[in-house]
Protein backbone atom coordinates (compact mmCIF):
# COMPACT_ATOMS: atom_id res chain seq x y z
CA UNK A 1 86.82 9.81 -126.39
CA UNK A 2 89.17 6.84 -125.98
CA UNK A 3 87.65 3.58 -127.47
CA UNK A 4 88.14 0.04 -126.45
CA UNK A 5 89.91 -1.93 -129.22
CA UNK A 6 87.22 -4.74 -129.24
CA UNK A 7 84.09 -5.85 -127.43
CA UNK A 8 82.74 -9.43 -127.61
CA UNK A 9 78.96 -9.85 -127.05
CA UNK A 10 78.17 -13.50 -126.12
CA UNK A 11 74.37 -14.23 -126.13
CA UNK A 12 72.13 -16.78 -127.89
CA UNK A 13 69.21 -14.28 -128.17
CA UNK A 14 69.41 -12.47 -131.55
CA UNK A 15 67.09 -9.79 -130.31
CA UNK A 16 69.46 -9.03 -127.34
CA UNK A 17 72.43 -9.11 -129.53
CA UNK A 18 70.94 -6.80 -132.17
CA UNK A 19 69.95 -4.27 -129.38
CA UNK A 20 73.14 -4.52 -127.48
CA UNK A 21 75.11 -4.17 -130.70
CA UNK A 22 73.16 -1.11 -131.83
CA UNK A 23 73.62 0.50 -128.44
CA UNK A 24 77.40 -0.15 -128.42
CA UNK A 25 77.67 1.18 -131.94
CA UNK A 26 75.63 4.31 -131.11
CA UNK A 27 77.77 5.00 -128.10
CA UNK A 28 80.98 4.35 -130.28
CA UNK A 29 82.82 2.68 -127.27
CA UNK A 30 84.83 0.23 -129.37
CA UNK A 31 86.70 0.09 -132.72
CA UNK A 32 85.36 -3.40 -133.36
CA UNK A 33 82.35 -5.48 -132.08
CA UNK A 34 82.30 -9.07 -132.23
CA UNK A 35 79.08 -11.32 -131.72
CA UNK A 36 78.98 -14.88 -130.68
CA UNK A 37 75.78 -17.04 -130.29
CA UNK A 38 77.26 -19.17 -127.55
CA UNK A 39 80.40 -19.98 -125.41
CA UNK A 40 82.03 -22.17 -128.09
CA UNK A 41 81.83 -19.47 -130.83
CA UNK A 42 83.14 -16.81 -128.34
CA UNK A 43 86.13 -19.16 -127.26
CA UNK A 44 86.88 -19.69 -131.01
CA UNK A 45 86.79 -16.07 -131.71
CA UNK A 46 89.03 -15.26 -128.65
CA UNK A 47 91.62 -17.85 -130.02
CA UNK A 48 91.59 -16.42 -133.52
CA UNK A 49 91.89 -12.75 -132.42
CA UNK A 50 94.55 -13.43 -129.92
CA UNK A 51 96.67 -14.89 -132.56
CA UNK A 52 96.04 -12.31 -135.19
CA UNK A 53 96.83 -9.00 -133.40
CA UNK A 54 96.61 -7.43 -130.03
CA UNK A 55 94.45 -4.51 -131.40
CA UNK A 56 91.69 -7.01 -132.33
CA UNK A 57 91.68 -8.79 -129.00
CA UNK A 58 88.62 -8.11 -127.04
CA UNK A 59 89.19 -5.80 -123.96
CA UNK A 60 85.67 -6.55 -122.77
CA UNK A 61 83.34 -9.61 -122.93
CA UNK A 62 79.66 -9.25 -122.17
CA UNK A 63 78.68 -12.78 -121.35
CA UNK A 64 75.25 -14.53 -120.92
CA UNK A 65 74.95 -17.48 -118.62
CA UNK A 66 72.32 -19.62 -120.31
CA UNK A 67 72.99 -20.60 -123.79
CA UNK A 68 72.97 -23.84 -125.86
CA UNK A 69 76.15 -25.68 -126.88
CA UNK A 70 78.43 -24.06 -124.36
CA UNK A 71 76.82 -21.92 -121.66
CA UNK A 72 78.64 -19.09 -119.79
CA UNK A 73 80.00 -21.08 -116.97
CA UNK A 74 81.40 -23.55 -119.54
CA UNK A 75 82.96 -20.88 -121.35
CA UNK A 76 84.61 -19.53 -118.20
CA UNK A 77 86.06 -22.90 -117.50
CA UNK A 78 87.43 -23.12 -120.88
CA UNK A 79 88.73 -19.56 -120.59
CA UNK A 80 90.79 -20.49 -117.58
CA UNK A 81 92.79 -22.97 -119.68
CA UNK A 82 94.17 -20.06 -121.87
CA UNK A 83 97.53 -18.60 -121.04
CA UNK A 84 97.52 -16.15 -118.23
CA UNK A 85 98.65 -13.10 -120.26
CA UNK A 86 95.57 -13.72 -122.53
CA UNK A 87 93.18 -14.01 -119.62
CA UNK A 88 94.60 -10.79 -117.99
CA UNK A 89 94.09 -8.88 -121.16
CA UNK A 90 90.32 -8.60 -120.81
CA UNK A 91 87.40 -7.88 -118.43
CA UNK A 92 84.51 -10.29 -118.45
CA UNK A 93 81.03 -8.98 -117.44
CA UNK A 94 78.13 -11.37 -116.89
CA UNK A 95 75.17 -9.84 -118.59
CA UNK A 96 72.19 -11.89 -117.39
CA UNK A 97 68.51 -11.86 -116.33
CA UNK A 98 69.42 -14.11 -113.51
CA UNK A 99 71.08 -12.57 -110.45
CA UNK A 100 70.82 -15.61 -108.30
CA UNK A 101 73.40 -15.67 -105.46
CA UNK A 102 74.68 -19.14 -106.26
CA UNK A 103 75.21 -18.22 -109.90
CA UNK A 104 77.05 -15.06 -108.89
CA UNK A 105 79.25 -17.00 -106.35
CA UNK A 106 80.04 -19.56 -108.98
CA UNK A 107 80.87 -16.92 -111.57
CA UNK A 108 83.15 -15.06 -109.07
CA UNK A 109 85.08 -18.27 -108.46
CA UNK A 110 85.60 -18.41 -112.28
CA UNK A 111 86.96 -14.86 -112.31
CA UNK A 112 84.09 -12.83 -113.70
CA UNK A 113 84.97 -9.23 -113.18
CA UNK A 114 81.35 -7.72 -112.79
CA UNK A 115 77.71 -8.54 -113.16
CA UNK A 116 74.96 -6.59 -115.08
CA UNK A 117 71.28 -7.37 -115.25
CA UNK A 118 69.70 -7.17 -118.75
CA UNK A 119 68.84 -5.12 -120.47
CA UNK A 120 72.07 -3.18 -121.27
CA UNK A 121 71.75 0.46 -121.02
CA UNK A 122 74.01 3.51 -121.66
CA UNK A 123 74.35 4.01 -117.83
CA UNK A 124 75.37 0.26 -117.36
CA UNK A 125 78.01 0.71 -120.09
CA UNK A 126 79.25 4.00 -118.61
CA UNK A 127 79.69 2.27 -115.27
CA UNK A 128 81.67 -0.63 -116.76
CA UNK A 129 83.92 1.90 -118.49
CA UNK A 130 84.46 4.00 -115.57
CA UNK A 131 85.09 1.04 -113.14
CA UNK A 132 87.32 -1.08 -115.26
CA UNK A 133 88.72 1.13 -117.95
CA UNK A 134 88.88 4.55 -116.14
CA UNK A 135 86.87 6.66 -118.68
CA UNK A 136 83.45 7.54 -119.16
CA UNK A 137 80.98 8.28 -121.90
CA UNK A 138 80.63 12.02 -122.81
């Protein structure tokens, strides 16, 4: 199976991060898995990995909305300041417990590619892979 070069999980909940990381590792969907506790850490990781090597740059970001320091919307606003080539190199999926219409509308304005409700499951990962990367889990 083809793998994504890198996935970035962004969530302030250590239990969610642990479970999501375990699921993604078990499914073997990425060569590398990065985890950030908030939008600021995620933005820093993006900048570091973009300058290092294309293979290490995340193809997919699973982004929570409500986090301390820099929330998901603030991250998306900062993300829009990145060079266009860097923005186009990845898919951002909001992974949230809140599917409120106003939050979805705001996220769409900030170029979120897709929305998933927590918890992350094999089926949800498979849908993201099929929809945005044109392959599916075995």
